[in-house]
Amino acid sequence: MTDLEFNKALVFFAHPDDGEFMAGGSMIKWVSEGKEIVLCVVTNGANGSNDPNMPREKLIASRREEQWEAAKITGISDVVFLEYEDCMVEDSHELRLDMIRQIRRHKPDIVIGPDPTMYFFGGAYINHPDHRRVGEALCAAISPGAATVPLYREQLYDKGFEPHHLTSALFGMTNHPDFWVDIEEHMEAKIKSVSVHQTQTPEFGDHFADRMRMVASASAEGSNPKLKYAEAFRAIHFRER
């Protein structure tokens, strides 16, 4: 499956740069088609450097600036920062409430976030716990959260945040894809959007762009018809239920 009709998407992710890694090409493609995309960054990115001489507040500010710069490349004008502590995210009622508030505030047709079931990527990488926790909280924010009046009523419904029904959810960073977005025409722009996260990308070395293309090529496996470069997602379509 490679096509999805919607007008507005809300993208949740743990750290500045996760959104572009997970769905940068898709977001660029969708914006070019006239769709509206809003980003919601859960953490402050404060633990995203092993440089012992990097001041905490400087790193937080740098990562926020990088996220805004990446958003300019993808064509996105609205970024929400929830400012949870990096590396300490929990699937808490506080986070669920904040996510539901953003869903009800922005009223997207679809939401996008990380697959909470992802612990391992092959034999080479253990998924960051913040990614999993954001995915877990997002699942609860989608169902029953976004459309249920009594849930957190005092903080949400009674404050004017009306229930909202989504049509679909896409979960990236997954080993169980059933939805692919063709990003061949937007591959170079995706690479550029990721590369502006300068506090993060030096660790990938001199072959950063080649590695990005390799990942996009691997993500296209299983797509039908076969795509050259793709971003892969696990899709839930609520209207079909």
Protein backbone atom coordinates (compact mmCIF):
# COMPACT_ATOMS: atom_id res chain seq x y z
CA MET A 1 0.00 0.00 0.00
CA THR A 2 1.50 3.33 -1.06
CA ASP A 3 -1.39 5.79 -1.16
CA LEU A 4 -3.33 7.52 1.62
CA GLU A 5 -5.88 10.30 1.31
CA PHE A 6 -5.62 12.99 3.99
CA ASN A 7 -5.25 16.74 4.36
CA LYS A 8 -3.40 17.13 7.66
CA ALA A 9 -0.93 15.00 9.63
CA LEU A 10 0.51 15.34 13.14
CA VAL A 11 3.92 13.69 13.57
CA PHE A 12 5.08 12.68 17.07
CA PHE A 13 8.70 11.73 17.78
CA ALA A 14 11.07 11.58 20.73
CA HIS A 15 14.12 13.66 19.78
CA PRO A 16 14.98 16.47 17.38
CA ASP A 17 16.12 14.60 14.21
CA ASP A 18 13.91 11.51 14.74
CA GLY A 19 11.15 12.97 12.58
CA GLU A 20 13.41 13.50 9.59
CA PHE A 21 15.05 10.07 9.98
CA MET A 22 11.67 8.35 10.28
CA ALA A 23 9.55 10.27 7.79
CA GLY A 24 11.50 13.18 6.29
CA GLY A 25 10.99 12.11 2.69
CA SER A 26 7.30 11.44 3.26
CA MET A 27 6.79 14.83 4.87
CA ILE A 28 8.54 16.60 2.00
CA LYS A 29 6.42 14.67 -0.51
CA TRP A 30 3.18 15.42 1.34
CA VAL A 31 3.94 19.13 1.71
CA SER A 32 4.65 19.29 -2.03
CA GLU A 33 1.17 17.84 -2.57
CA GLY A 34 -0.43 20.59 -0.49
CA LYS A 35 -0.91 18.62 2.73
CA GLU A 36 -0.41 20.29 6.11
CA ILE A 37 2.11 18.72 8.50
CA VAL A 38 2.63 19.59 12.17
CA LEU A 39 5.59 18.25 14.17
CA CYS A 40 5.53 17.42 17.89
CA VAL A 41 8.94 16.82 19.51
CA VAL A 42 8.55 15.10 22.88
CA THR A 43 11.98 15.61 24.52
CA ASN A 44 14.41 18.48 24.91
CA GLY A 45 17.34 16.51 23.41
CA ALA A 46 19.51 17.39 26.43
CA ASN A 47 21.38 14.07 26.47
CA GLY A 48 22.16 13.93 22.76
CA SER A 49 25.91 14.55 23.05
CA ASN A 50 28.84 12.69 24.63
CA ASP A 51 30.98 15.81 24.64
CA PRO A 52 31.71 16.44 28.34
CA ASN A 53 32.36 20.11 27.56
CA MET A 54 28.98 20.70 25.94
CA PRO A 55 26.80 22.84 28.26
CA ARG A 56 23.33 21.38 28.74
CA GLU A 57 21.40 24.54 27.88
CA LYS A 58 23.53 25.16 24.80
CA LEU A 59 22.79 21.65 23.52
CA ILE A 60 19.05 22.05 24.13
CA ALA A 61 19.06 25.38 22.27
CA SER A 62 21.15 23.97 19.41
CA ARG A 63 18.88 21.00 18.90
CA ARG A 64 15.79 23.21 18.88
CA GLU A 65 17.41 25.45 16.26
CA GLU A 66 18.37 22.41 14.18
CA GLN A 67 14.79 21.16 14.32
CA TRP A 68 13.46 24.47 13.06
CA GLU A 69 16.04 24.47 10.26
CA ALA A 70 15.03 20.95 9.25
CA ALA A 71 11.38 22.01 9.29
CA LYS A 72 12.19 24.80 6.84
CA ILE A 73 13.68 22.25 4.45
CA THR A 74 10.66 19.97 4.69
CA GLY A 75 8.31 22.94 4.29
CA ILE A 76 6.76 22.67 7.75
CA SER A 77 5.85 25.86 9.62
CA ASP A 78 4.51 24.49 12.92
CA VAL A 79 6.68 22.64 15.45
CA VAL A 80 5.55 21.86 19.01
CA PHE A 81 8.16 21.13 21.71
CA LEU A 82 6.84 19.26 24.76
CA GLU A 83 10.21 19.50 26.58
CA TYR A 84 10.24 16.13 28.36
CA GLU A 85 13.66 15.09 29.64
CA ASP A 86 15.75 13.26 27.05
CA CYS A 87 16.37 9.54 27.86
CA MET A 88 13.77 9.60 30.65
CA VAL A 89 10.47 9.35 28.76
CA GLU A 90 7.81 7.13 30.30
CA ASP A 91 4.41 6.10 28.99
CA SER A 92 2.82 8.34 31.61
CA HIS A 93 -0.62 9.87 31.97
CA GLU A 94 1.05 13.27 31.71
CA LEU A 95 2.51 12.44 28.29
CA ARG A 96 -0.72 10.82 27.09
CA LEU A 97 -2.65 13.93 28.14
CA ASP A 98 -0.19 16.21 26.32
CA MET A 99 -0.46 14.12 23.16
CA ILE A 100 -4.25 14.04 23.27
CA ARG A 101 -4.26 17.81 23.74
CA GLN A 102 -2.16 18.24 20.59
CA ILE A 103 -4.39 15.87 18.60
CA ARG A 104 -7.54 17.69 19.70
CA ARG A 105 -5.92 21.08 19.15
CA HIS A 106 -4.61 20.44 15.63
CA LYS A 107 -7.34 17.99 14.52
CA PRO A 108 -5.23 16.01 12.03
CA ASP A 109 -6.65 13.35 9.76
CA ILE A 110 -3.73 11.05 10.56
CA VAL A 111 -0.99 10.78 13.15
CA ILE A 112 2.51 9.37 12.71
CA GLY A 113 4.90 8.06 15.35
CA PRO A 114 7.43 5.34 16.21
CA ASP A 115 6.40 1.68 16.45
CA PRO A 116 6.33 0.83 20.19
CA THR A 117 7.02 -2.86 19.53
CA MET A 118 10.48 -2.18 18.10
CA TYR A 119 13.22 -3.35 20.47
CA PHE A 120 15.86 -4.53 18.00
CA PHE A 121 16.90 -3.60 14.45
CA GLY A 122 18.48 -6.80 13.20
CA GLY A 123 21.60 -7.66 15.12
CA ALA A 124 23.10 -4.19 15.07
CA TYR A 125 20.95 -1.78 17.07
CA ILE A 126 18.83 -1.70 20.22
CA ASN A 127 16.04 0.83 19.82
CA HIS A 128 16.17 3.86 22.08
CA PRO A 129 13.69 3.49 24.98
CA ASP A 130 12.37 7.01 24.35
CA HIS A 131 11.25 5.87 20.88
CA ARG A 132 9.31 2.96 22.31
CA ARG A 133 7.75 4.98 25.12
CA VAL A 134 6.62 7.71 22.74
CA GLY A 135 5.01 5.03 20.57
CA GLU A 136 3.30 3.45 23.58
CA ALA A 137 1.93 6.75 24.82
CA LEU A 138 0.79 7.66 21.32
CA CYS A 139 -1.19 4.43 21.01
CA ALA A 140 -3.04 5.28 24.22
CA ALA A 141 -3.53 8.88 23.08
CA ILE A 142 -5.09 7.62 19.85
CA SER A 143 -7.30 4.99 21.48
CA PRO A 144 -9.09 5.60 23.74
CA GLY A 145 -7.67 9.07 24.31
CA ALA A 146 -8.44 11.34 21.38
CA ALA A 147 -12.14 10.54 21.09
CA THR A 148 -13.17 9.79 24.69
CA VAL A 149 -14.88 12.62 26.59
CA PRO A 150 -14.45 11.44 30.23
CA LEU A 151 -10.73 10.73 29.91
CA TYR A 152 -8.79 13.65 31.43
CA ARG A 153 -12.05 15.61 31.13
CA GLU A 154 -11.09 18.38 33.54
CA GLN A 155 -7.84 19.11 31.70
CA LEU A 156 -9.18 18.66 28.16
CA TYR A 157 -12.91 18.60 27.40
CA ASP A 158 -13.80 21.12 30.10
CA LYS A 159 -11.07 23.41 28.72
CA GLY A 160 -12.53 23.33 25.22
CA PHE A 161 -10.53 20.45 23.70
CA GLU A 162 -13.29 18.55 21.92
CA PRO A 163 -12.93 14.83 21.05
CA HIS A 164 -11.38 14.16 17.68
CA HIS A 165 -11.60 11.08 15.45
CA LEU A 166 -8.62 10.07 13.34
CA THR A 167 -8.81 8.21 10.04
CA SER A 168 -5.39 6.49 10.16
CA ALA A 169 -2.15 6.11 12.11
CA LEU A 170 1.27 5.29 10.66
CA PHE A 171 4.03 3.83 12.83
CA GLY A 172 7.58 4.18 11.51
CA MET A 173 10.88 2.67 12.65
CA THR A 174 9.17 -0.71 12.29
CA ASN A 175 10.04 -4.28 11.37
CA HIS A 176 6.45 -4.96 10.32
CA PRO A 177 5.66 -2.52 7.49
CA ASP A 178 2.56 -2.72 5.35
CA PHE A 179 2.57 0.83 4.00
CA TRP A 180 5.32 2.46 1.92
CA VAL A 181 5.85 6.03 0.75
CA ASP A 182 7.83 6.52 -2.47
CA ILE A 183 10.53 9.10 -1.66
CA GLU A 184 12.79 8.66 -4.69
CA GLU A 185 12.13 12.23 -5.91
CA HIS A 186 12.70 13.59 -2.40
CA MET A 187 15.69 11.51 -1.28
CA GLU A 188 18.25 14.29 -1.57
CA ALA A 189 16.00 16.75 0.28
CA LYS A 190 15.55 14.18 3.05
CA ILE A 191 19.33 13.81 3.36
CA LYS A 192 19.63 17.59 3.61
CA SER A 193 16.91 17.77 6.28
CA VAL A 194 18.69 15.17 8.41
CA SER A 195 22.14 16.64 7.86
CA VAL A 196 21.19 19.98 9.46
CA HIS A 197 21.09 18.17 12.80
CA GLN A 198 24.80 18.85 13.18
CA THR A 199 24.90 17.87 16.86
CA GLN A 200 23.95 14.34 15.78
CA THR A 201 25.15 13.55 12.26
CA PRO A 202 28.98 13.66 12.72
CA GLU A 203 28.81 10.23 14.36
CA PHE A 204 27.74 8.75 11.01
CA GLY A 205 31.05 9.60 9.36
CA ASP A 206 31.98 10.62 5.83
CA HIS A 207 29.51 8.29 4.11
CA PHE A 208 26.41 9.71 5.76
CA ALA A 209 24.48 10.32 2.52
CA ASP A 210 25.29 6.85 1.17
CA ARG A 211 24.08 5.29 4.40
CA MET A 212 20.83 7.25 4.21
CA ARG A 213 20.23 6.00 0.68
CA MET A 214 21.06 2.45 1.77
CA VAL A 215 18.48 2.65 4.58
CA ALA A 216 15.84 4.03 2.21
CA SER A 217 16.59 1.27 -0.28
CA ALA A 218 16.28 -1.38 2.44
CA SER A 219 13.01 0.22 3.59
CA ALA A 220 11.63 -0.25 0.07
CA GLU A 221 11.91 -4.04 0.42
CA GLY A 222 8.43 -5.54 0.40
CA SER A 223 6.83 -2.64 -1.46
CA ASN A 224 4.70 -3.62 -4.43
CA PRO A 225 5.34 -2.31 -7.01
CA LYS A 226 8.98 -2.28 -5.96
CA LEU A 227 10.23 1.19 -5.07
CA LYS A 228 13.82 2.42 -5.26
CA TYR A 229 13.75 4.55 -2.09
CA ALA A 230 10.96 4.41 0.44
CA GLU A 231 9.93 5.06 4.02
CA ALA A 232 8.07 2.15 5.54
CA PHE A 233 5.28 2.23 8.11
CA ARG A 234 2.89 -0.01 9.98
CA ALA A 235 -0.59 1.34 9.19
CA ILE A 236 -3.85 1.35 11.13
CA HIS A 237 -6.95 2.56 9.26
CA PHE A 238 -9.81 3.34 11.61
CA ARG A 239 -12.53 3.97 9.08
CA GLU A 240 -12.10 0.49 7.65
CA ARG A 241 -13.00 -0.93 11.07
